[in-house]
Amino acid sequence: MELFSPYGTVKSAKIINDHTTGRSRGFGFVEMPDDDAAKKAIADLHEAQYEGKVISVNEARPKTSNGYSNSGFNHSSNSYKPAKDKSW
């Protein structure tokens, strides 16, 4: 949350864990109620350095028919994509 909170209120932040191991799957979701604040966070944080890695910040997209989405934070590709709900 500390990465996004300078841009505005963070409604929720969730790191996704593996159901079997309980370890982080390497991605997560951030919800911000203010659409302008969320867009500013995306614009400023996309391809920024975070903990020594270049991250990718994008708006989350709905799951596809195979059950996966093109969203989240993935350590293997060093990306972070905040979730967006309809209340923004």
N, C-alpha and C. Protein backbone atom coordinates (compact mmCIF):
# COMPACT_ATOMS: atom_id res chain seq x y z
N MET A 1 0.81 -1.18 0.00
CA MET A 1 0.00 0.00 0.00
C MET A 1 0.86 1.25 0.00
N GLU A 2 2.05 1.20 0.61
CA GLU A 2 2.85 2.41 0.70
C GLU A 2 3.28 2.92 -0.67
N LEU A 3 3.34 2.07 -1.65
CA LEU A 3 3.72 2.49 -3.00
C LEU A 3 2.61 3.32 -3.64
N PHE A 4 1.36 3.01 -3.37
CA PHE A 4 0.22 3.68 -3.99
C PHE A 4 -0.38 4.79 -3.14
N SER A 5 -0.22 4.76 -1.83
CA SER A 5 -0.88 5.73 -0.96
C SER A 5 -0.47 7.18 -1.21
N PRO A 6 0.73 7.49 -1.70
CA PRO A 6 1.01 8.90 -2.01
C PRO A 6 0.11 9.48 -3.11
N TYR A 7 -0.55 8.62 -3.87
CA TYR A 7 -1.41 9.07 -4.97
C TYR A 7 -2.86 9.25 -4.56
N GLY A 8 -3.22 8.75 -3.39
CA GLY A 8 -4.59 8.87 -2.91
C GLY A 8 -4.96 7.71 -2.02
N THR A 9 -6.22 7.66 -1.67
CA THR A 9 -6.74 6.62 -0.79
C THR A 9 -6.67 5.26 -1.46
N VAL A 10 -6.16 4.28 -0.73
CA VAL A 10 -6.14 2.90 -1.20
C VAL A 10 -7.28 2.18 -0.50
N LYS A 11 -8.25 1.74 -1.28
CA LYS A 11 -9.43 1.04 -0.73
C LYS A 11 -9.03 -0.35 -0.24
N SER A 12 -8.23 -1.05 -1.03
CA SER A 12 -7.76 -2.37 -0.63
C SER A 12 -6.49 -2.71 -1.41
N ALA A 13 -5.73 -3.61 -0.84
CA ALA A 13 -4.53 -4.13 -1.49
C ALA A 13 -4.42 -5.60 -1.10
N LYS A 14 -4.18 -6.45 -2.08
CA LYS A 14 -4.14 -7.89 -1.81
C LYS A 14 -3.03 -8.54 -2.63
N ILE A 15 -2.18 -9.28 -1.94
CA ILE A 15 -1.17 -10.11 -2.59
C ILE A 15 -1.77 -11.50 -2.73
N ILE A 16 -1.68 -12.08 -3.90
CA ILE A 16 -2.26 -13.39 -4.17
C ILE A 16 -1.26 -14.48 -3.78
N ASN A 17 -1.72 -15.41 -2.96
CA ASN A 17 -0.88 -16.52 -2.48
C ASN A 17 -1.27 -17.83 -3.15
N ASP A 18 -0.30 -18.71 -3.27
CA ASP A 18 -0.52 -20.05 -3.80
C ASP A 18 -1.35 -20.83 -2.78
N HIS A 19 -2.40 -21.50 -3.24
CA HIS A 19 -3.27 -22.25 -2.34
C HIS A 19 -2.56 -23.42 -1.67
N THR A 20 -1.62 -24.02 -2.36
CA THR A 20 -0.93 -25.19 -1.82
C THR A 20 0.18 -24.82 -0.85
N THR A 21 1.06 -23.90 -1.27
CA THR A 21 2.23 -23.57 -0.47
C THR A 21 2.01 -22.40 0.47
N GLY A 22 1.02 -21.56 0.18
CA GLY A 22 0.80 -20.37 0.98
C GLY A 22 1.75 -19.24 0.65
N ARG A 23 2.68 -19.49 -0.26
CA ARG A 23 3.66 -18.47 -0.66
C ARG A 23 3.05 -17.54 -1.71
N SER A 24 3.57 -16.34 -1.76
CA SER A 24 3.10 -15.36 -2.74
C SER A 24 3.27 -15.91 -4.15
N ARG A 25 2.25 -15.69 -4.97
CA ARG A 25 2.33 -16.08 -6.37
C ARG A 25 3.03 -14.99 -7.18
N GLY A 26 3.37 -13.88 -6.53
CA GLY A 26 4.15 -12.84 -7.18
C GLY A 26 3.33 -11.74 -7.84
N PHE A 27 2.03 -11.66 -7.52
CA PHE A 27 1.24 -10.56 -8.05
C PHE A 27 0.15 -10.19 -7.06
N GLY A 28 -0.43 -9.04 -7.27
CA GLY A 28 -1.46 -8.57 -6.37
C GLY A 28 -2.35 -7.55 -7.02
N PHE A 29 -3.30 -7.03 -6.25
CA PHE A 29 -4.27 -6.07 -6.75
C PHE A 29 -4.41 -4.92 -5.77
N VAL A 30 -4.57 -3.73 -6.31
CA VAL A 30 -4.78 -2.52 -5.52
C VAL A 30 -6.05 -1.86 -6.03
N GLU A 31 -6.94 -1.47 -5.12
CA GLU A 31 -8.14 -0.73 -5.50
C GLU A 31 -8.06 0.67 -4.91
N MET A 32 -8.33 1.67 -5.75
CA MET A 32 -8.35 3.06 -5.33
C MET A 32 -9.70 3.65 -5.73
N PRO A 33 -10.42 4.29 -4.81
CA PRO A 33 -11.75 4.81 -5.12
C PRO A 33 -11.74 6.03 -6.06
N ASP A 34 -10.64 6.76 -6.14
CA ASP A 34 -10.56 7.95 -6.98
C ASP A 34 -9.92 7.59 -8.31
N ASP A 35 -10.70 7.67 -9.39
CA ASP A 35 -10.23 7.29 -10.72
C ASP A 35 -9.02 8.12 -11.16
N ASP A 36 -9.04 9.43 -10.89
CA ASP A 36 -7.92 10.28 -11.28
C ASP A 36 -6.65 9.90 -10.53
N ALA A 37 -6.78 9.61 -9.24
CA ALA A 37 -5.63 9.20 -8.44
C ALA A 37 -5.07 7.87 -8.95
N ALA A 38 -5.96 6.95 -9.29
CA ALA A 38 -5.52 5.65 -9.81
C ALA A 38 -4.79 5.81 -11.14
N LYS A 39 -5.33 6.64 -12.02
CA LYS A 39 -4.68 6.88 -13.31
C LYS A 39 -3.32 7.53 -13.14
N LYS A 40 -3.19 8.45 -12.19
CA LYS A 40 -1.91 9.10 -11.91
C LYS A 40 -0.92 8.07 -11.37
N ALA A 41 -1.36 7.20 -10.47
CA ALA A 41 -0.49 6.15 -9.93
C ALA A 41 -0.01 5.23 -11.06
N ILE A 42 -0.91 4.84 -11.94
CA ILE A 42 -0.54 3.98 -13.06
C ILE A 42 0.48 4.67 -13.94
N ALA A 43 0.22 5.93 -14.28
CA ALA A 43 1.12 6.68 -15.16
C ALA A 43 2.51 6.86 -14.54
N ASP A 44 2.55 7.19 -13.25
CA ASP A 44 3.82 7.44 -12.58
C ASP A 44 4.59 6.18 -12.23
N LEU A 45 3.89 5.11 -11.89
CA LEU A 45 4.56 3.90 -11.39
C LEU A 45 4.88 2.88 -12.47
N HIS A 46 4.23 2.96 -13.61
CA HIS A 46 4.52 2.01 -14.69
C HIS A 46 5.97 2.17 -15.13
N GLU A 47 6.70 1.07 -15.12
CA GLU A 47 8.12 1.00 -15.48
C GLU A 47 9.01 1.77 -14.51
N ALA A 48 8.54 1.98 -13.28
CA ALA A 48 9.35 2.61 -12.24
C ALA A 48 10.21 1.55 -11.55
N GLN A 49 11.24 1.99 -10.86
CA GLN A 49 12.08 1.10 -10.05
C GLN A 49 11.40 0.90 -8.69
N TYR A 50 11.27 -0.34 -8.27
CA TYR A 50 10.73 -0.65 -6.95
C TYR A 50 11.49 -1.85 -6.40
N GLU A 51 12.11 -1.66 -5.25
CA GLU A 51 12.92 -2.70 -4.61
C GLU A 51 13.92 -3.30 -5.60
N GLY A 52 14.55 -2.43 -6.38
CA GLY A 52 15.60 -2.86 -7.29
C GLY A 52 15.13 -3.47 -8.60
N LYS A 53 13.83 -3.44 -8.85
CA LYS A 53 13.29 -4.03 -10.08
C LYS A 53 12.43 -3.01 -10.81
N VAL A 54 12.38 -3.12 -12.13
CA VAL A 54 11.47 -2.31 -12.92
C VAL A 54 10.12 -3.00 -12.88
N ILE A 55 9.09 -2.24 -12.50
CA ILE A 55 7.75 -2.82 -12.39
C ILE A 55 6.85 -2.30 -13.51
N SER A 56 5.80 -3.04 -13.76
CA SER A 56 4.79 -2.65 -14.72
C SER A 56 3.48 -2.48 -13.97
N VAL A 57 2.86 -1.32 -14.09
CA VAL A 57 1.61 -1.04 -13.40
C VAL A 57 0.55 -0.77 -14.46
N ASN A 58 -0.49 -1.57 -14.44
CA ASN A 58 -1.58 -1.46 -15.41
C ASN A 58 -2.90 -1.68 -14.74
N GLU A 59 -3.96 -1.25 -15.39
CA GLU A 59 -5.30 -1.52 -14.91
C GLU A 59 -5.58 -3.01 -15.09
N ALA A 60 -6.15 -3.62 -14.06
CA ALA A 60 -6.48 -5.05 -14.14
C ALA A 60 -7.58 -5.27 -15.17
N ARG A 61 -7.53 -6.41 -15.78
CA ARG A 61 -8.54 -6.80 -16.76
C ARG A 61 -9.28 -8.03 -16.24
N PRO A 62 -10.54 -8.21 -16.66
CA PRO A 62 -11.31 -9.36 -16.20
C PRO A 62 -10.66 -10.68 -16.61
N LYS A 63 -10.97 -11.72 -15.84
CA LYS A 63 -10.48 -13.05 -16.19
C LYS A 63 -11.00 -13.47 -17.55
N THR A 64 -10.19 -14.23 -18.27
CA THR A 64 -10.60 -14.77 -19.56
C THR A 64 -11.31 -16.10 -19.34
N SER A 65 -11.78 -16.72 -20.39
CA SER A 65 -12.51 -17.98 -20.27
C SER A 65 -11.65 -19.11 -19.71
N ASN A 66 -10.31 -18.97 -19.78
CA ASN A 66 -9.45 -20.01 -19.22
C ASN A 66 -9.19 -19.81 -17.73
N GLY A 67 -9.82 -18.77 -17.14
CA GLY A 67 -9.69 -18.54 -15.71
C GLY A 67 -8.54 -17.65 -15.33
N TYR A 68 -7.77 -17.18 -16.28
CA TYR A 68 -6.64 -16.31 -16.00
C TYR A 68 -6.92 -14.91 -16.52
N SER A 69 -6.27 -13.94 -15.93
CA SER A 69 -6.37 -12.57 -16.43
C SER A 69 -4.96 -12.09 -16.76
N ASN A 70 -4.90 -11.02 -17.46
CA ASN A 70 -3.61 -10.40 -17.77
C ASN A 70 -3.35 -9.30 -16.77
N SER A 71 -3.50 -9.60 -15.49
CA SER A 71 -3.32 -8.59 -14.47
C SER A 71 -2.59 -9.19 -13.28
N GLY A 72 -2.08 -8.30 -12.44
CA GLY A 72 -1.44 -8.73 -11.21
C GLY A 72 0.02 -8.39 -11.19
N PHE A 73 0.68 -8.71 -10.11
CA PHE A 73 2.10 -8.49 -9.94
C PHE A 73 2.80 -9.81 -10.16
N ASN A 74 3.69 -9.85 -11.10
CA ASN A 74 4.37 -11.09 -11.45
C ASN A 74 5.85 -10.87 -11.29
N HIS A 75 6.46 -11.56 -10.30
CA HIS A 75 7.89 -11.39 -10.07
C HIS A 75 8.72 -11.82 -11.27
N SER A 76 8.26 -12.82 -12.00
CA SER A 76 9.06 -13.29 -13.13
C SER A 76 9.14 -12.24 -14.23
N SER A 77 8.09 -11.42 -14.36
CA SER A 77 8.15 -10.33 -15.34
C SER A 77 8.19 -8.97 -14.66
N ASN A 78 8.29 -8.98 -13.31
CA ASN A 78 8.39 -7.76 -12.52
C ASN A 78 7.26 -6.78 -12.82
N SER A 79 6.04 -7.25 -12.81
CA SER A 79 4.93 -6.36 -13.12
C SER A 79 3.95 -6.28 -11.97
N TYR A 80 3.33 -5.14 -11.83
CA TYR A 80 2.30 -4.94 -10.83
C TYR A 80 1.15 -4.21 -11.49
N LYS A 81 -0.05 -4.73 -11.37
CA LYS A 81 -1.20 -4.15 -12.02
C LYS A 81 -2.32 -3.96 -11.02
N PRO A 82 -2.67 -2.72 -10.71
CA PRO A 82 -3.73 -2.53 -9.72
C PRO A 82 -5.10 -2.88 -10.27
N ALA A 83 -5.90 -3.48 -9.43
CA ALA A 83 -7.27 -3.82 -9.82
C ALA A 83 -8.11 -2.56 -9.85
N LYS A 84 -9.09 -2.58 -10.70
CA LYS A 84 -10.02 -1.45 -10.76
C LYS A 84 -11.43 -1.99 -10.66
N ASP A 85 -12.20 -1.44 -9.74
CA ASP A 85 -13.59 -1.86 -9.66
C ASP A 85 -14.49 -0.75 -10.20
N LYS A 86 -15.75 -1.03 -10.33
CA LYS A 86 -16.70 -0.08 -10.92
C LYS A 86 -16.90 1.16 -10.05
N SER A 87 -16.49 1.13 -8.77
CA SER A 87 -16.72 2.27 -7.89
C SER A 87 -15.68 3.37 -8.07
N TRP A 88 -14.67 3.17 -8.88
CA TRP A 88 -13.68 4.23 -9.09
C TRP A 88 -14.38 5.36 -9.69
